[in-house]
Structures are given as structure tokens and as C-alpha cells.
């Protein structure tokens, strides 16, 4: 079993990284760059997904946020109320660079970050 203080420090660092990505997402949205906002939101959610999967004994094969979210979508222990957020965060944009459904990926990422902690 790992040292508790190490795990605490790691959790604090991961939380800081997730929050920094969410702040970047909000700033990008305020600047009118919705594409960048989606990227930052997905990165925050990807950090949360990798951490959650790791705590459940699942190793992610890639550092890609998208791959971690795809693995999370298939993970049986994912709480059902978080599944729609994961699906929205892994939805590809259209040729017009918009989402094919109404979703606020920053809010979805926050929900996932908070729900997986």
C-alpha cells in the first residue's frame, strides 16, 4: 500500500491541474474560442478519468484525455449519472466545428471532475 502523504500530495496536484484546465477553458470561452474551451475541458476530464481508473486498478495505455474518457465510458463502475457527461465529452464535432447536440462541455467536465473525486 502506498504512503498516505504521497497519495494526498498527488491528489492535490491532480486537482490543481484539473482546475487550471477548467480555468483555461472558461478564459477561452470568454475570448470567443469555443474550440480551445472544449480542448481544455476535455483535458480536465481526462485527468479525472485517468485518476479514477488508476484508483480502480485500471492502467491507461495513453496520456490522451480522449482515450482515458473512452476507457471510462466502458468502465462498469462508472456512476450512471456521470455517463452522459463522458459521452458528451467524447462526441466529435461536426464539419462546422460544433457539437451535434446541446451541451456545455465545461459544465460536463466540472461534473465529471467533482463526481469522480
N, C-alpha and C. Protein backbone atom coordinates (compact mmCIF):
# COMPACT_ATOMS: atom_id res chain seq x y z
N UNK A 1 0.84 -1.18 0.00
CA UNK A 1 0.00 0.00 0.00
C UNK A 1 0.89 1.24 0.00
N UNK A 2 0.49 2.27 -0.78
CA UNK A 2 1.29 3.48 -0.92
C UNK A 2 1.29 4.31 0.35
N UNK A 3 2.23 5.22 0.42
CA UNK A 3 2.30 6.12 1.57
C UNK A 3 1.13 7.10 1.50
N UNK A 4 0.35 7.29 2.55
CA UNK A 4 -0.80 8.18 2.53
C UNK A 4 -0.45 9.62 2.17
N UNK A 5 0.69 10.13 2.68
CA UNK A 5 1.05 11.51 2.37
C UNK A 5 1.37 11.68 0.89
N UNK A 6 1.94 10.67 0.28
CA UNK A 6 2.23 10.72 -1.15
C UNK A 6 0.93 10.76 -1.93
N UNK A 7 -0.03 9.93 -1.56
CA UNK A 7 -1.31 9.91 -2.24
C UNK A 7 -2.03 11.25 -2.09
N UNK A 8 -1.95 11.84 -0.90
CA UNK A 8 -2.58 13.14 -0.68
C UNK A 8 -1.94 14.20 -1.56
N UNK A 9 -0.62 14.22 -1.61
CA UNK A 9 0.09 15.20 -2.43
C UNK A 9 -0.27 15.01 -3.90
N UNK A 10 -0.33 13.78 -4.34
CA UNK A 10 -0.70 13.50 -5.73
C UNK A 10 -2.12 13.99 -6.02
N UNK A 11 -3.04 13.74 -5.10
CA UNK A 11 -4.42 14.18 -5.29
C UNK A 11 -4.51 15.70 -5.38
N UNK A 12 -3.78 16.39 -4.53
CA UNK A 12 -3.78 17.86 -4.55
C UNK A 12 -3.23 18.35 -5.89
N UNK A 13 -2.15 17.74 -6.36
CA UNK A 13 -1.55 18.15 -7.63
C UNK A 13 -2.51 17.89 -8.80
N UNK A 14 -3.15 16.73 -8.80
CA UNK A 14 -4.10 16.43 -9.87
C UNK A 14 -5.27 17.41 -9.85
N UNK A 15 -5.75 17.72 -8.68
CA UNK A 15 -6.87 18.68 -8.54
C UNK A 15 -6.44 20.04 -9.07
N UNK A 16 -5.21 20.45 -8.78
CA UNK A 16 -4.69 21.72 -9.27
C UNK A 16 -4.62 21.73 -10.80
N UNK A 17 -4.16 20.62 -11.38
CA UNK A 17 -4.08 20.51 -12.83
C UNK A 17 -5.47 20.59 -13.47
N UNK A 18 -6.43 19.89 -12.88
CA UNK A 18 -7.79 19.90 -13.42
C UNK A 18 -8.39 21.30 -13.34
N UNK A 19 -8.20 21.95 -12.21
CA UNK A 19 -8.75 23.29 -12.05
C UNK A 19 -8.10 24.28 -13.02
N UNK A 20 -6.80 24.15 -13.23
CA UNK A 20 -6.10 25.02 -14.18
C UNK A 20 -6.67 24.85 -15.59
N UNK A 21 -6.96 23.61 -15.98
CA UNK A 21 -7.55 23.37 -17.30
C UNK A 21 -8.96 23.97 -17.40
N UNK A 22 -9.72 23.85 -16.31
CA UNK A 22 -11.08 24.40 -16.33
C UNK A 22 -11.05 25.93 -16.38
N UNK A 23 -10.12 26.54 -15.69
CA UNK A 23 -9.95 28.00 -15.76
C UNK A 23 -9.56 28.40 -17.18
N UNK A 24 -8.65 27.66 -17.78
CA UNK A 24 -8.26 27.94 -19.18
C UNK A 24 -9.45 27.79 -20.11
N UNK A 25 -10.29 26.80 -19.85
CA UNK A 25 -11.49 26.61 -20.67
C UNK A 25 -12.41 27.81 -20.58
N UNK A 26 -12.63 28.28 -19.36
CA UNK A 26 -13.50 29.45 -19.17
C UNK A 26 -12.93 30.68 -19.86
N UNK A 27 -11.62 30.87 -19.73
CA UNK A 27 -10.98 32.03 -20.38
C UNK A 27 -11.09 31.94 -21.89
N UNK A 28 -10.91 30.75 -22.43
CA UNK A 28 -11.02 30.57 -23.88
C UNK A 28 -12.45 30.89 -24.34
N UNK A 29 -13.42 30.42 -23.59
CA UNK A 29 -14.83 30.71 -23.94
C UNK A 29 -15.08 32.21 -23.90
N UNK A 30 -14.61 32.87 -22.86
CA UNK A 30 -14.80 34.32 -22.74
C UNK A 30 -14.15 35.07 -23.89
N UNK A 31 -13.05 34.51 -24.41
CA UNK A 31 -12.35 35.13 -25.54
C UNK A 31 -12.99 34.75 -26.89
N UNK A 32 -14.05 33.95 -26.85
CA UNK A 32 -14.72 33.56 -28.08
C UNK A 32 -14.12 32.37 -28.79
N UNK A 33 -13.25 31.63 -28.09
CA UNK A 33 -12.59 30.48 -28.70
C UNK A 33 -13.18 29.19 -28.13
N UNK A 34 -14.35 28.82 -28.62
CA UNK A 34 -15.06 27.66 -28.10
C UNK A 34 -14.29 26.36 -28.36
N UNK A 35 -13.56 26.28 -29.47
CA UNK A 35 -12.76 25.09 -29.75
C UNK A 35 -11.71 24.86 -28.68
N UNK A 36 -11.00 25.90 -28.29
CA UNK A 36 -9.99 25.81 -27.23
C UNK A 36 -10.67 25.47 -25.90
N UNK A 37 -11.84 26.03 -25.66
CA UNK A 37 -12.58 25.74 -24.42
C UNK A 37 -12.90 24.24 -24.35
N UNK A 38 -13.32 23.65 -25.47
CA UNK A 38 -13.62 22.21 -25.49
C UNK A 38 -12.38 21.39 -25.20
N UNK A 39 -11.26 21.78 -25.81
CA UNK A 39 -10.00 21.05 -25.60
C UNK A 39 -9.59 21.08 -24.13
N UNK A 40 -9.65 22.24 -23.51
CA UNK A 40 -9.26 22.36 -22.10
C UNK A 40 -10.22 21.58 -21.20
N UNK A 41 -11.51 21.65 -21.49
CA UNK A 41 -12.49 20.90 -20.70
C UNK A 41 -12.21 19.40 -20.80
N UNK A 42 -11.91 18.93 -22.02
CA UNK A 42 -11.61 17.51 -22.19
C UNK A 42 -10.33 17.12 -21.46
N UNK A 43 -9.34 18.01 -21.47
CA UNK A 43 -8.10 17.69 -20.74
C UNK A 43 -8.37 17.56 -19.26
N UNK A 44 -9.16 18.46 -18.69
CA UNK A 44 -9.50 18.37 -17.26
C UNK A 44 -10.22 17.06 -16.97
N UNK A 45 -11.19 16.73 -17.81
CA UNK A 45 -11.95 15.49 -17.63
C UNK A 45 -11.05 14.27 -17.81
N UNK A 46 -10.10 14.35 -18.72
CA UNK A 46 -9.18 13.24 -18.95
C UNK A 46 -8.28 12.98 -17.75
N UNK A 47 -7.85 14.04 -17.09
CA UNK A 47 -7.04 13.88 -15.88
C UNK A 47 -7.88 13.17 -14.81
N UNK A 48 -9.12 13.60 -14.66
CA UNK A 48 -10.02 12.96 -13.67
C UNK A 48 -10.27 11.50 -14.03
N UNK A 49 -10.45 11.23 -15.32
CA UNK A 49 -10.72 9.86 -15.78
C UNK A 49 -9.53 8.94 -15.50
N UNK A 50 -8.31 9.40 -15.85
CA UNK A 50 -7.11 8.59 -15.60
C UNK A 50 -6.93 8.31 -14.12
N UNK A 51 -7.16 9.33 -13.29
CA UNK A 51 -7.02 9.15 -11.84
C UNK A 51 -8.06 8.15 -11.32
N UNK A 52 -9.30 8.29 -11.73
CA UNK A 52 -10.37 7.39 -11.29
C UNK A 52 -10.06 5.95 -11.71
N UNK A 53 -9.67 5.78 -12.97
CA UNK A 53 -9.36 4.44 -13.46
C UNK A 53 -8.17 3.85 -12.70
N UNK A 54 -7.16 4.66 -12.46
CA UNK A 54 -5.98 4.20 -11.72
C UNK A 54 -6.36 3.74 -10.31
N UNK A 55 -7.22 4.50 -9.65
CA UNK A 55 -7.66 4.13 -8.30
C UNK A 55 -8.48 2.84 -8.31
N UNK A 56 -9.00 2.47 -9.48
CA UNK A 56 -9.76 1.23 -9.62
C UNK A 56 -8.93 0.13 -10.27
N UNK A 57 -7.60 0.31 -10.30
CA UNK A 57 -6.71 -0.73 -10.78
C UNK A 57 -6.61 -0.85 -12.29
N UNK A 58 -7.08 0.15 -13.02
CA UNK A 58 -7.03 0.11 -14.49
C UNK A 58 -5.91 1.03 -14.95
N UNK A 59 -5.02 0.48 -15.74
CA UNK A 59 -3.93 1.29 -16.30
C UNK A 59 -4.36 1.82 -17.67
N UNK A 60 -4.15 3.10 -17.86
CA UNK A 60 -4.45 3.68 -19.17
C UNK A 60 -3.23 3.52 -20.05
N UNK A 61 -3.47 3.19 -21.30
CA UNK A 61 -2.37 2.93 -22.24
C UNK A 61 -1.80 4.21 -22.83
N UNK A 62 -2.49 5.30 -22.65
CA UNK A 62 -2.12 6.54 -23.33
C UNK A 62 -2.30 7.72 -22.39
N UNK A 63 -1.60 8.79 -22.64
CA UNK A 63 -1.80 10.03 -21.89
C UNK A 63 -2.92 10.87 -22.51
N UNK A 64 -3.50 10.40 -23.59
CA UNK A 64 -4.56 11.12 -24.27
C UNK A 64 -5.80 11.23 -23.39
N UNK A 65 -6.29 12.45 -23.23
CA UNK A 65 -7.53 12.66 -22.46
C UNK A 65 -8.69 11.93 -23.14
N UNK A 66 -8.73 11.99 -24.44
CA UNK A 66 -9.82 11.34 -25.18
C UNK A 66 -9.82 9.83 -24.96
N UNK A 67 -8.65 9.21 -25.00
CA UNK A 67 -8.55 7.76 -24.78
C UNK A 67 -8.97 7.41 -23.35
N UNK A 68 -8.55 8.21 -22.39
CA UNK A 68 -8.93 7.95 -21.00
C UNK A 68 -10.45 8.06 -20.84
N UNK A 69 -11.05 9.04 -21.50
CA UNK A 69 -12.51 9.19 -21.42
C UNK A 69 -13.22 8.04 -22.11
N UNK A 70 -12.67 7.55 -23.20
CA UNK A 70 -13.27 6.38 -23.87
C UNK A 70 -13.20 5.16 -22.96
N UNK A 71 -12.06 4.96 -22.30
CA UNK A 71 -11.94 3.84 -21.37
C UNK A 71 -12.93 3.99 -20.22
N UNK A 72 -13.08 5.21 -19.74
CA UNK A 72 -14.01 5.47 -18.65
C UNK A 72 -15.45 5.17 -19.08
N UNK A 73 -15.79 5.51 -20.32
CA UNK A 73 -17.15 5.26 -20.82
C UNK A 73 -17.48 3.78 -20.80
N UNK A 74 -16.48 2.94 -20.98
CA UNK A 74 -16.68 1.48 -20.99
C UNK A 74 -16.51 0.84 -19.61
N UNK A 75 -16.14 1.63 -18.61
CA UNK A 75 -15.85 1.08 -17.29
C UNK A 75 -17.15 0.82 -16.54
N UNK A 76 -17.36 -0.44 -16.10
CA UNK A 76 -18.63 -0.79 -15.46
C UNK A 76 -18.92 -0.05 -14.15
N UNK A 77 -17.90 0.37 -13.42
CA UNK A 77 -18.12 1.03 -12.13
C UNK A 77 -18.35 2.53 -12.25
N UNK A 78 -18.42 3.04 -13.48
CA UNK A 78 -18.70 4.46 -13.66
C UNK A 78 -20.12 4.74 -13.17
N UNK A 79 -20.28 5.70 -12.25
CA UNK A 79 -21.63 6.02 -11.78
C UNK A 79 -22.54 6.42 -12.96
N UNK A 80 -23.74 5.90 -12.97
CA UNK A 80 -24.67 6.10 -14.09
C UNK A 80 -24.95 7.58 -14.35
N UNK A 81 -24.98 8.39 -13.30
CA UNK A 81 -25.29 9.81 -13.51
C UNK A 81 -24.15 10.57 -14.19
N UNK A 82 -22.95 9.97 -14.27
CA UNK A 82 -21.82 10.61 -14.94
C UNK A 82 -21.65 10.16 -16.38
N UNK A 83 -22.30 9.07 -16.75
CA UNK A 83 -22.15 8.53 -18.10
C UNK A 83 -22.50 9.54 -19.20
N UNK A 84 -23.62 10.30 -19.08
CA UNK A 84 -23.90 11.28 -20.14
C UNK A 84 -22.80 12.32 -20.31
N UNK A 85 -22.20 12.76 -19.21
CA UNK A 85 -21.10 13.73 -19.31
C UNK A 85 -19.93 13.14 -20.09
N UNK A 86 -19.60 11.89 -19.81
CA UNK A 86 -18.50 11.23 -20.52
C UNK A 86 -18.83 11.11 -22.01
N UNK A 87 -20.04 10.74 -22.31
CA UNK A 87 -20.44 10.61 -23.72
C UNK A 87 -20.39 11.96 -24.43
N UNK A 88 -20.83 13.03 -23.78
CA UNK A 88 -20.74 14.35 -24.40
C UNK A 88 -19.28 14.75 -24.63
N UNK A 89 -18.43 14.46 -23.66
CA UNK A 89 -17.03 14.85 -23.77
C UNK A 89 -16.27 14.06 -24.83
N UNK A 90 -16.81 12.91 -25.24
CA UNK A 90 -16.15 12.11 -26.29
C UNK A 90 -16.84 12.23 -27.64
N UNK A 91 -17.83 13.10 -27.74
CA UNK A 91 -18.53 13.31 -29.01
C UNK A 91 -17.67 14.17 -29.93
N UNK A 92 -17.53 13.74 -31.16
CA UNK A 92 -16.78 14.50 -32.16
C UNK A 92 -17.60 15.69 -32.64
N UNK A 93 -16.91 16.77 -32.97
CA UNK A 93 -17.59 17.94 -33.52
C UNK A 93 -17.98 17.68 -34.98
N UNK A 94 -18.91 18.48 -35.48
CA UNK A 94 -19.36 18.37 -36.87
C UNK A 94 -18.34 19.04 -37.79
N UNK A 95 -18.61 18.98 -39.07
CA UNK A 95 -17.73 19.66 -40.05
C UNK A 95 -17.71 21.16 -39.83
N UNK A 96 -18.74 21.69 -39.16
CA UNK A 96 -18.80 23.12 -38.85
C UNK A 96 -18.13 23.43 -37.50
N UNK A 97 -17.46 22.42 -36.93
CA UNK A 97 -16.75 22.56 -35.66
C UNK A 97 -17.68 22.91 -34.50
N UNK A 98 -18.87 22.32 -34.52
CA UNK A 98 -19.81 22.47 -33.41
C UNK A 98 -20.20 21.08 -32.93
N UNK A 99 -20.72 21.02 -31.73
CA UNK A 99 -21.21 19.74 -31.21
C UNK A 99 -22.55 19.42 -31.86
N UNK A 100 -22.82 18.14 -32.11
CA UNK A 100 -24.09 17.77 -32.74
C UNK A 100 -25.26 17.78 -31.76
N UNK A 101 -25.03 18.17 -30.52
CA UNK A 101 -26.09 18.25 -29.52
C UNK A 101 -25.82 19.47 -28.65
N UNK A 102 -26.82 19.86 -27.88
CA UNK A 102 -26.64 20.96 -26.93
C UNK A 102 -25.93 20.42 -25.69
N UNK A 103 -24.75 20.93 -25.42
CA UNK A 103 -24.02 20.52 -24.22
C UNK A 103 -22.98 21.58 -23.90
N UNK A 104 -22.79 21.81 -22.63
CA UNK A 104 -21.76 22.71 -22.15
C UNK A 104 -20.63 21.82 -21.63
N UNK A 105 -19.60 21.65 -22.44
CA UNK A 105 -18.54 20.72 -22.06
C UNK A 105 -17.75 21.17 -20.83
N UNK A 106 -17.72 22.46 -20.57
CA UNK A 106 -17.04 22.91 -19.35
C UNK A 106 -17.84 22.44 -18.13
N UNK A 107 -19.15 22.62 -18.18
CA UNK A 107 -20.00 22.16 -17.07
C UNK A 107 -19.95 20.64 -16.95
N UNK A 108 -19.92 19.94 -18.09
CA UNK A 108 -19.84 18.48 -18.07
C UNK A 108 -18.51 18.03 -17.46
N UNK A 109 -17.43 18.72 -17.80
CA UNK A 109 -16.12 18.38 -17.25
C UNK A 109 -16.10 18.62 -15.74
N UNK A 110 -16.66 19.74 -15.30
CA UNK A 110 -16.73 20.02 -13.85
C UNK A 110 -17.52 18.94 -13.12
N UNK A 111 -18.64 18.53 -13.72
CA UNK A 111 -19.46 17.48 -13.12
C UNK A 111 -18.65 16.19 -12.98
N UNK A 112 -17.89 15.87 -14.02
CA UNK A 112 -17.09 14.65 -14.00
C UNK A 112 -15.96 14.76 -12.98
N UNK A 113 -15.25 15.87 -12.99
CA UNK A 113 -14.15 16.09 -12.03
C UNK A 113 -14.66 15.94 -10.60
N UNK A 114 -15.78 16.58 -10.30
CA UNK A 114 -16.32 16.52 -8.94
C UNK A 114 -16.89 15.14 -8.62
N UNK A 115 -17.53 14.51 -9.58
CA UNK A 115 -18.15 13.21 -9.35
C UNK A 115 -17.18 12.06 -9.22
N UNK A 116 -16.00 12.19 -9.81
CA UNK A 116 -15.01 11.11 -9.77
C UNK A 116 -14.03 11.27 -8.62
N UNK A 117 -14.06 12.42 -7.93
CA UNK A 117 -13.10 12.65 -6.83
C UNK A 117 -13.40 11.76 -5.65
